[in-house]
PDB file of N, CA and C in Angstrom:
ATOM      1  N   UNK A   1     154.780 153.339 126.238  1.00  0.00           N
ATOM      2  CA  UNK A   1     155.865 152.410 126.031  1.00  0.00           C
ATOM      3  C   UNK A   1     157.185 153.170 126.077  1.00  0.00           C
ATOM      4  N   UNK A   2     158.132 152.641 126.820  1.00  0.00           N
ATOM      5  CA  UNK A   2     159.425 153.299 126.971  1.00  0.00           C
ATOM      6  C   UNK A   2     160.387 152.799 125.887  1.00  0.00           C
ATOM      7  N   UNK A   3     161.079 153.714 125.247  1.00  0.00           N
ATOM      8  CA  UNK A   3     162.045 153.354 124.207  1.00  0.00           C
ATOM      9  C   UNK A   3     163.309 152.786 124.841  1.00  0.00           C
ATOM     10  N   UNK A   4     163.894 151.802 124.175  1.00  0.00           N
ATOM     11  CA  UNK A   4     165.140 151.218 124.630  1.00  0.00           C
ATOM     12  C   UNK A   4     166.236 151.608 123.652  1.00  0.00           C
ATOM     13  N   UNK A   5     167.305 152.176 124.151  1.00  0.00           N
ATOM     14  CA  UNK A   5     168.442 152.527 123.312  1.00  0.00           C
ATOM     15  C   UNK A   5     169.518 151.460 123.481  1.00  0.00           C
ATOM     16  N   UNK A   6     170.065 151.011 122.383  1.00  0.00           N
ATOM     17  CA  UNK A   6     171.112 149.997 122.386  1.00  0.00           C
ATOM     18  C   UNK A   6     172.314 150.588 121.664  1.00  0.00           C
ATOM     19  N   UNK A   7     173.482 150.476 122.258  1.00  0.00           N
ATOM     20  CA  UNK A   7     174.703 150.961 121.628  1.00  0.00           C
ATOM     21  C   UNK A   7     175.426 149.784 120.980  1.00  0.00           C
ATOM     22  N   UNK A   8     175.726 149.918 119.697  1.00  0.00           N
ATOM     23  CA  UNK A   8     176.387 148.862 118.944  1.00  0.00           C
ATOM     24  C   UNK A   8     177.673 149.428 118.353  1.00  0.00           C
ATOM     25  N   UNK A   9     178.811 148.789 118.605  1.00  0.00           N
ATOM     26  CA  UNK A   9     180.041 149.279 117.986  1.00  0.00           C
ATOM     27  C   UNK A   9     179.969 149.095 116.468  1.00  0.00           C
ATOM     28  N   UNK A  10     180.579 150.023 115.748  1.00  0.00           N
ATOM     29  CA  UNK A  10     180.555 149.972 114.288  1.00  0.00           C
ATOM     30  C   UNK A  10     181.775 150.708 113.743  1.00  0.00           C
ATOM     31  N   UNK A  11     181.991 150.580 112.454  1.00  0.00           N
ATOM     32  CA  UNK A  11     183.079 151.311 111.800  1.00  0.00           C
ATOM     33  C   UNK A  11     182.652 151.664 110.375  1.00  0.00           C
ATOM     34  N   UNK A  12     183.320 152.644 109.806  1.00  0.00           N
ATOM     35  CA  UNK A  12     183.084 153.071 108.432  1.00  0.00           C
ATOM     36  C   UNK A  12     184.179 152.472 107.566  1.00  0.00           C
ATOM     37  N   UNK A  13     183.812 151.678 106.573  1.00  0.00           N
ATOM     38  CA  UNK A  13     184.813 150.989 105.747  1.00  0.00           C
ATOM     39  C   UNK A  13     185.241 151.791 104.522  1.00  0.00           C
ATOM     40  N   UNK A  14     184.849 153.059 104.474  1.00  0.00           N
ATOM     41  CA  UNK A  14     185.181 153.904 103.336  1.00  0.00           C
ATOM     42  C   UNK A  14     184.000 154.095 102.400  1.00  0.00           C
ATOM     43  N   UNK A  15     183.004 153.206 102.497  1.00  0.00           N
ATOM     44  CA  UNK A  15     181.818 153.319 101.661  1.00  0.00           C
ATOM     45  C   UNK A  15     180.525 153.291 102.473  1.00  0.00           C
ATOM     46  N   UNK A  16     180.491 152.472 103.515  1.00  0.00           N
ATOM     47  CA  UNK A  16     179.266 152.366 104.317  1.00  0.00           C
ATOM     48  C   UNK A  16     179.617 152.053 105.768  1.00  0.00           C
ATOM     49  N   UNK A  17     178.644 152.231 106.625  1.00  0.00           N
ATOM     50  CA  UNK A  17     178.818 151.923 108.045  1.00  0.00           C
ATOM     51  C   UNK A  17     178.588 150.430 108.241  1.00  0.00           C
ATOM     52  N   UNK A  18     179.521 149.775 108.901  1.00  0.00           N
ATOM     53  CA  UNK A  18     179.448 148.337 109.166  1.00  0.00           C
ATOM     54  C   UNK A  18     179.288 148.114 110.666  1.00  0.00           C
ATOM     55  N   UNK A  19     178.264 147.367 111.062  1.00  0.00           N
ATOM     56  CA  UNK A  19     178.073 147.051 112.473  1.00  0.00           C
ATOM     57  C   UNK A  19     179.071 145.978 112.886  1.00  0.00           C
ATOM     58  N   UNK A  20     179.652 146.132 114.078  1.00  0.00           N
ATOM     59  CA  UNK A  20     180.650 145.188 114.573  1.00  0.00           C
ATOM     60  C   UNK A  20     180.048 144.166 115.536  1.00  0.00           C
ATOM     61  N   UNK A  21     178.747 144.064 115.589  1.00  0.00           N
ATOM     62  CA  UNK A  21     178.065 143.103 116.458  1.00  0.00           C
ATOM     63  C   UNK A  21     176.904 142.505 115.670  1.00  0.00           C
ATOM     64  N   UNK A  22     176.602 141.251 115.971  1.00  0.00           N
ATOM     65  CA  UNK A  22     175.459 140.605 115.325  1.00  0.00           C
ATOM     66  C   UNK A  22     174.172 141.129 115.926  1.00  0.00           C
ATOM     67  N   UNK A  23     173.353 141.722 115.097  1.00  0.00           N
ATOM     68  CA  UNK A  23     172.054 142.227 115.528  1.00  0.00           C
ATOM     69  C   UNK A  23     171.137 142.215 114.311  1.00  0.00           C
ATOM     70  N   UNK A  24     169.882 141.894 114.544  1.00  0.00           N
ATOM     71  CA  UNK A  24     168.901 141.895 113.472  1.00  0.00           C
ATOM     72  C   UNK A  24     168.080 143.171 113.571  1.00  0.00           C
ATOM     73  N   UNK A  25     168.058 143.926 112.490  1.00  0.00           N
ATOM     74  CA  UNK A  25     167.290 145.161 112.433  1.00  0.00           C
ATOM     75  C   UNK A  25     166.216 145.040 111.360  1.00  0.00           C
ATOM     76  N   UNK A  26     165.052 145.580 111.653  1.00  0.00           N
ATOM     77  CA  UNK A  26     163.979 145.615 110.659  1.00  0.00           C
ATOM     78  C   UNK A  26     164.276 146.736 109.660  1.00  0.00           C
ATOM     79  N   UNK A  27     163.791 146.591 108.429  1.00  0.00           N
ATOM     80  CA  UNK A  27     163.972 147.683 107.453  1.00  0.00           C
ATOM     81  C   UNK A  27     163.414 148.997 108.006  1.00  0.00           C
ATOM     82  N   UNK A  28     164.096 150.058 107.718  1.00  0.00           N
ATOM     83  CA  UNK A  28     163.725 151.416 108.134  1.00  0.00           C
ATOM     84  C   UNK A  28     163.835 151.654 109.637  1.00  0.00           C
ATOM     85  N   UNK A  29     164.578 150.794 110.344  1.00  0.00           N
ATOM     86  CA  UNK A  29     164.828 151.043 111.763  1.00  0.00           C
ATOM     87  C   UNK A  29     165.583 152.349 111.897  1.00  0.00           C
ATOM     88  N   UNK A  30     165.113 153.208 112.767  1.00  0.00           N
ATOM     89  CA  UNK A  30     165.769 154.506 112.971  1.00  0.00           C
ATOM     90  C   UNK A  30     167.005 154.303 113.839  1.00  0.00           C
ATOM     91  N   UNK A  31     168.088 154.970 113.474  1.00  0.00           N
ATOM     92  CA  UNK A  31     169.367 154.845 114.174  1.00  0.00           C
ATOM     93  C   UNK A  31     169.918 156.218 114.489  1.00  0.00           C
ATOM     94  N   UNK A  32     170.734 156.287 115.520  1.00  0.00           N
ATOM     95  CA  UNK A  32     171.543 157.472 115.813  1.00  0.00           C
ATOM     96  C   UNK A  32     172.995 157.063 115.596  1.00  0.00           C
ATOM     97  N   UNK A  33     173.754 157.893 114.911  1.00  0.00           N
ATOM     98  CA  UNK A  33     175.158 157.584 114.639  1.00  0.00           C
ATOM     99  C   UNK A  33     176.018 158.622 115.337  1.00  0.00           C
ATOM    100  N   UNK A  34     176.967 158.161 116.137  1.00  0.00           N
ATOM    101  CA  UNK A  34     177.917 159.041 116.811  1.00  0.00           C
ATOM    102  C   UNK A  34     179.293 158.805 116.216  1.00  0.00           C
ATOM    103  N   UNK A  35     179.911 159.834 115.705  1.00  0.00           N
ATOM    104  CA  UNK A  35     181.250 159.723 115.128  1.00  0.00           C
ATOM    105  C   UNK A  35     182.258 160.010 116.237  1.00  0.00           C
ATOM    106  N   UNK A  36     183.139 159.046 116.479  1.00  0.00           N
ATOM    107  CA  UNK A  36     184.137 159.170 117.534  1.00  0.00           C
ATOM    108  C   UNK A  36     185.448 159.680 116.950  1.00  0.00           C
ATOM    109  N   UNK A  37     186.186 160.456 117.728  1.00  0.00           N
ATOM    110  CA  UNK A  37     187.456 161.015 117.267  1.00  0.00           C
ATOM    111  C   UNK A  37     188.509 159.945 117.016  1.00  0.00           C
ATOM    112  N   UNK A  38     189.431 160.237 116.136  1.00  0.00           N
ATOM    113  CA  UNK A  38     190.492 159.295 115.793  1.00  0.00           C
ATOM    114  C   UNK A  38     191.576 159.211 116.865  1.00  0.00           C
ATOM    115  N   UNK A  39     191.589 160.154 117.795  1.00  0.00           N
ATOM    116  CA  UNK A  39     192.655 160.186 118.797  1.00  0.00           C
ATOM    117  C   UNK A  39     192.352 159.329 120.039  1.00  0.00           C
ATOM    118  N   UNK A  40     191.306 158.506 119.977  1.00  0.00           N
ATOM    119  CA  UNK A  40     190.911 157.627 121.082  1.00  0.00           C
ATOM    120  C   UNK A  40     190.450 158.376 122.328  1.00  0.00           C
ATOM    121  N   UNK A  41     190.221 159.690 122.230  1.00  0.00           N
ATOM    122  CA  UNK A  41     189.722 160.428 123.384  1.00  0.00           C
ATOM    123  C   UNK A  41     188.270 160.060 123.676  1.00  0.00           C
ATOM    124  N   UNK A  42     187.641 159.332 122.770  1.00  0.00           N
ATOM    125  CA  UNK A  42     186.255 158.917 122.932  1.00  0.00           C
ATOM    126  C   UNK A  42     186.091 157.794 123.956  1.00  0.00           C
ATOM    127  N   UNK A  43     187.177 157.149 124.353  1.00  0.00           N
ATOM    128  CA  UNK A  43     187.068 155.994 125.256  1.00  0.00           C
ATOM    129  C   UNK A  43     186.344 156.335 126.549  1.00  0.00           C
ATOM    130  N   UNK A  44     186.598 157.507 127.109  1.00  0.00           N
ATOM    131  CA  UNK A  44     185.909 157.876 128.351  1.00  0.00           C
ATOM    132  C   UNK A  44     184.424 158.111 128.080  1.00  0.00           C
ATOM    133  N   UNK A  45     184.083 158.645 126.896  1.00  0.00           N
ATOM    134  CA  UNK A  45     182.679 158.833 126.545  1.00  0.00           C
ATOM    135  C   UNK A  45     181.965 157.489 126.397  1.00  0.00           C
ATOM    136  N   UNK A  46     182.641 156.527 125.780  1.00  0.00           N
ATOM    137  CA  UNK A  46     182.061 155.196 125.617  1.00  0.00           C
ATOM    138  C   UNK A  46     181.839 154.561 126.981  1.00  0.00           C
ATOM    139  N   UNK A  47     182.827 154.674 127.860  1.00  0.00           N
ATOM    140  CA  UNK A  47     182.696 154.121 129.209  1.00  0.00           C
ATOM    141  C   UNK A  47     181.516 154.759 129.942  1.00  0.00           C
ATOM    142  N   UNK A  48     181.394 156.071 129.819  1.00  0.00           N
ATOM    143  CA  UNK A  48     180.301 156.781 130.478  1.00  0.00           C
ATOM    144  C   UNK A  48     178.949 156.350 129.913  1.00  0.00           C
ATOM    145  N   UNK A  49     178.854 156.191 128.600  1.00  0.00           N
ATOM    146  CA  UNK A  49     177.605 155.741 127.986  1.00  0.00           C
ATOM    147  C   UNK A  49     177.242 154.338 128.449  1.00  0.00           C
ATOM    148  N   UNK A  50     178.245 153.473 128.573  1.00  0.00           N
ATOM    149  CA  UNK A  50     177.994 152.122 129.054  1.00  0.00           C
ATOM    150  C   UNK A  50     177.495 152.147 130.497  1.00  0.00           C
ATOM    151  N   UNK A  51     178.070 153.016 131.323  1.00  0.00           N
ATOM    152  CA  UNK A  51     177.624 153.123 132.707  1.00  0.00           C
ATOM    153  C   UNK A  51     176.194 153.641 132.772  1.00  0.00           C
ATOM    154  N   UNK A  52     175.845 154.599 131.911  1.00  0.00           N
ATOM    155  CA  UNK A  52     174.481 155.122 131.892  1.00  0.00           C
ATOM    156  C   UNK A  52     173.484 154.056 131.448  1.00  0.00           C
ATOM    157  N   UNK A  53     173.878 153.204 130.522  1.00  0.00           N
ATOM    158  CA  UNK A  53     172.970 152.158 130.059  1.00  0.00           C
ATOM    159  C   UNK A  53     172.815 151.053 131.096  1.00  0.00           C
ATOM    160  N   UNK A  54     173.727 150.971 132.045  1.00  0.00           N
ATOM    161  CA  UNK A  54     173.647 149.937 133.070  1.00  0.00           C
ATOM    162  C   UNK A  54     172.335 150.024 133.851  1.00  0.00           C
ATOM    163  N   UNK A  55     171.852 151.241 134.119  1.00  0.00           N
ATOM    164  CA  UNK A  55     170.584 151.393 134.834  1.00  0.00           C
ATOM    165  C   UNK A  55     169.440 150.737 134.069  1.00  0.00           C
ATOM    166  N   UNK A  56     169.395 150.929 132.765  1.00  0.00           N
ATOM    167  CA  UNK A  56     168.342 150.315 131.952  1.00  0.00           C
ATOM    168  C   UNK A  56     168.450 148.798 131.987  1.00  0.00           C
ATOM    169  N   UNK A  57     169.662 148.295 131.857  1.00  0.00           N
ATOM    170  CA  UNK A  57     169.846 146.846 131.890  1.00  0.00           C
ATOM    171  C   UNK A  57     169.456 146.266 133.247  1.00  0.00           C
ATOM    172  N   UNK A  58     169.795 146.972 134.306  1.00  0.00           N
ATOM    173  CA  UNK A  58     169.424 146.518 135.642  1.00  0.00           C
ATOM    174  C   UNK A  58     167.919 146.482 135.799  1.00  0.00           C
ATOM    175  N   UNK A  59     167.226 147.513 135.316  1.00  0.00           N
ATOM    176  CA  UNK A  59     165.763 147.535 135.399  1.00  0.00           C
ATOM    177  C   UNK A  59     165.134 146.391 134.624  1.00  0.00           C
ATOM    178  N   UNK A  60     165.726 146.035 133.504  1.00  0.00           N
ATOM    179  CA  UNK A  60     165.181 144.963 132.678  1.00  0.00           C
ATOM    180  C   UNK A  60     165.421 143.600 133.315  1.00  0.00           C
ATOM    181  N   UNK A  61     166.635 143.350 133.812  1.00  0.00           N
ATOM    182  CA  UNK A  61     167.006 142.010 134.260  1.00  0.00           C
ATOM    183  C   UNK A  61     166.864 141.782 135.758  1.00  0.00           C
ATOM    184  N   UNK A  62     166.945 142.805 136.555  1.00  0.00           N
ATOM    185  CA  UNK A  62     166.902 142.639 138.010  1.00  0.00           C
ATOM    186  C   UNK A  62     165.501 142.968 138.512  1.00  0.00           C
ATOM    187  N   UNK A  63     164.604 142.007 138.383  1.00  0.00           N
ATOM    188  CA  UNK A  63     163.226 142.220 138.812  1.00  0.00           C
ATOM    189  C   UNK A  63     162.667 140.921 139.369  1.00  0.00           C
ATOM    190  N   UNK A  64     161.496 140.995 139.977  1.00  0.00           N
ATOM    191  CA  UNK A  64     160.890 139.818 140.611  1.00  0.00           C
ATOM    192  C   UNK A  64     160.617 138.691 139.616  1.00  0.00           C
ATOM    193  N   UNK A  65     160.147 139.021 138.436  1.00  0.00           N
ATOM    194  CA  UNK A  65     159.876 137.982 137.440  1.00  0.00           C
ATOM    195  C   UNK A  65     161.149 137.251 137.044  1.00  0.00           C
ATOM    196  N   UNK A  66     162.226 137.978 136.890  1.00  0.00           N
ATOM    197  CA  UNK A  66     163.501 137.365 136.539  1.00  0.00           C
ATOM    198  C   UNK A  66     164.003 136.485 137.688  1.00  0.00           C
ATOM    199  N   UNK A  67     163.821 136.919 138.921  1.00  0.00           N
ATOM    200  CA  UNK A  67     164.249 136.140 140.080  1.00  0.00           C
ATOM    201  C   UNK A  67     163.519 134.798 140.114  1.00  0.00           C
ATOM    202  N   UNK A  68     162.231 134.777 139.775  1.00  0.00           N
ATOM    203  CA  UNK A  68     161.475 133.521 139.733  1.00  0.00           C
ATOM    204  C   UNK A  68     162.073 132.582 138.693  1.00  0.00           C
ATOM    205  N   UNK A  69     162.470 133.116 137.556  1.00  0.00           N
ATOM    206  CA  UNK A  69     163.102 132.296 136.522  1.00  0.00           C
ATOM    207  C   UNK A  69     164.426 131.718 137.019  1.00  0.00           C
ATOM    208  N   UNK A  70     165.200 132.513 137.745  1.00  0.00           N
ATOM    209  CA  UNK A  70     166.467 132.025 138.285  1.00  0.00           C
ATOM    210  C   UNK A  70     166.254 130.804 139.163  1.00  0.00           C
ATOM    211  N   UNK A  71     165.209 130.814 139.991  1.00  0.00           N
ATOM    212  CA  UNK A  71     164.936 129.675 140.864  1.00  0.00           C
ATOM    213  C   UNK A  71     164.555 128.436 140.062  1.00  0.00           C
ATOM    214  N   UNK A  72     163.827 128.613 138.976  1.00  0.00           N
ATOM    215  CA  UNK A  72     163.466 127.480 138.126  1.00  0.00           C
ATOM    216  C   UNK A  72     164.697 126.858 137.489  1.00  0.00           C
ATOM    217  N   UNK A  73     165.607 127.680 137.005  1.00  0.00           N
ATOM    218  CA  UNK A  73     166.794 127.150 136.348  1.00  0.00           C
ATOM    219  C   UNK A  73     167.725 126.486 137.345  1.00  0.00           C
ATOM    220  N   UNK A  74     167.737 126.942 138.601  1.00  0.00           N
ATOM    221  CA  UNK A  74     168.566 126.301 139.621  1.00  0.00           C
ATOM    222  C   UNK A  74     168.094 124.878 139.864  1.00  0.00           C
ATOM    223  N   UNK A  75     166.789 124.641 139.894  1.00  0.00           N
ATOM    224  CA  UNK A  75     166.248 123.295 140.121  1.00  0.00           C
ATOM    225  C   UNK A  75     166.648 122.358 138.990  1.00  0.00           C
ATOM    226  N   UNK A  76     166.683 122.865 137.764  1.00  0.00           N
ATOM    227  CA  UNK A  76     167.023 122.015 136.630  1.00  0.00           C
ATOM    228  C   UNK A  76     168.496 121.672 136.576  1.00  0.00           C
ATOM    229  N   UNK A  77     169.322 122.448 137.218  1.00  0.00           N
ATOM    230  CA  UNK A  77     170.768 122.173 137.240  1.00  0.00           C
ATOM    231  C   UNK A  77     171.108 121.068 138.216  1.00  0.00           C
ATOM    232  N   UNK A  78     170.271 120.854 139.229  1.00  0.00           N
ATOM    233  CA  UNK A  78     170.566 119.857 140.263  1.00  0.00           C
ATOM    234  C   UNK A  78     170.400 118.452 139.797  1.00  0.00           C
TER     235      UNK A  78
END
């Protein structure tokens, strides 16, 4: 089974890390935390990480099974 990595924006409120996106996590879900610099130099790193994750998203959504679903939904729109 291949692991899927998901990047979620978050911030530290002075006491705990707060996720900035709605996501449901099971108790004891393992996480990786990346601390970004305060000078906004991290923006290029975030962009690069998003581009790298695009391949995974393409593999998940751009496949023959998904294409069959697209045709079904087109018929229901007519």
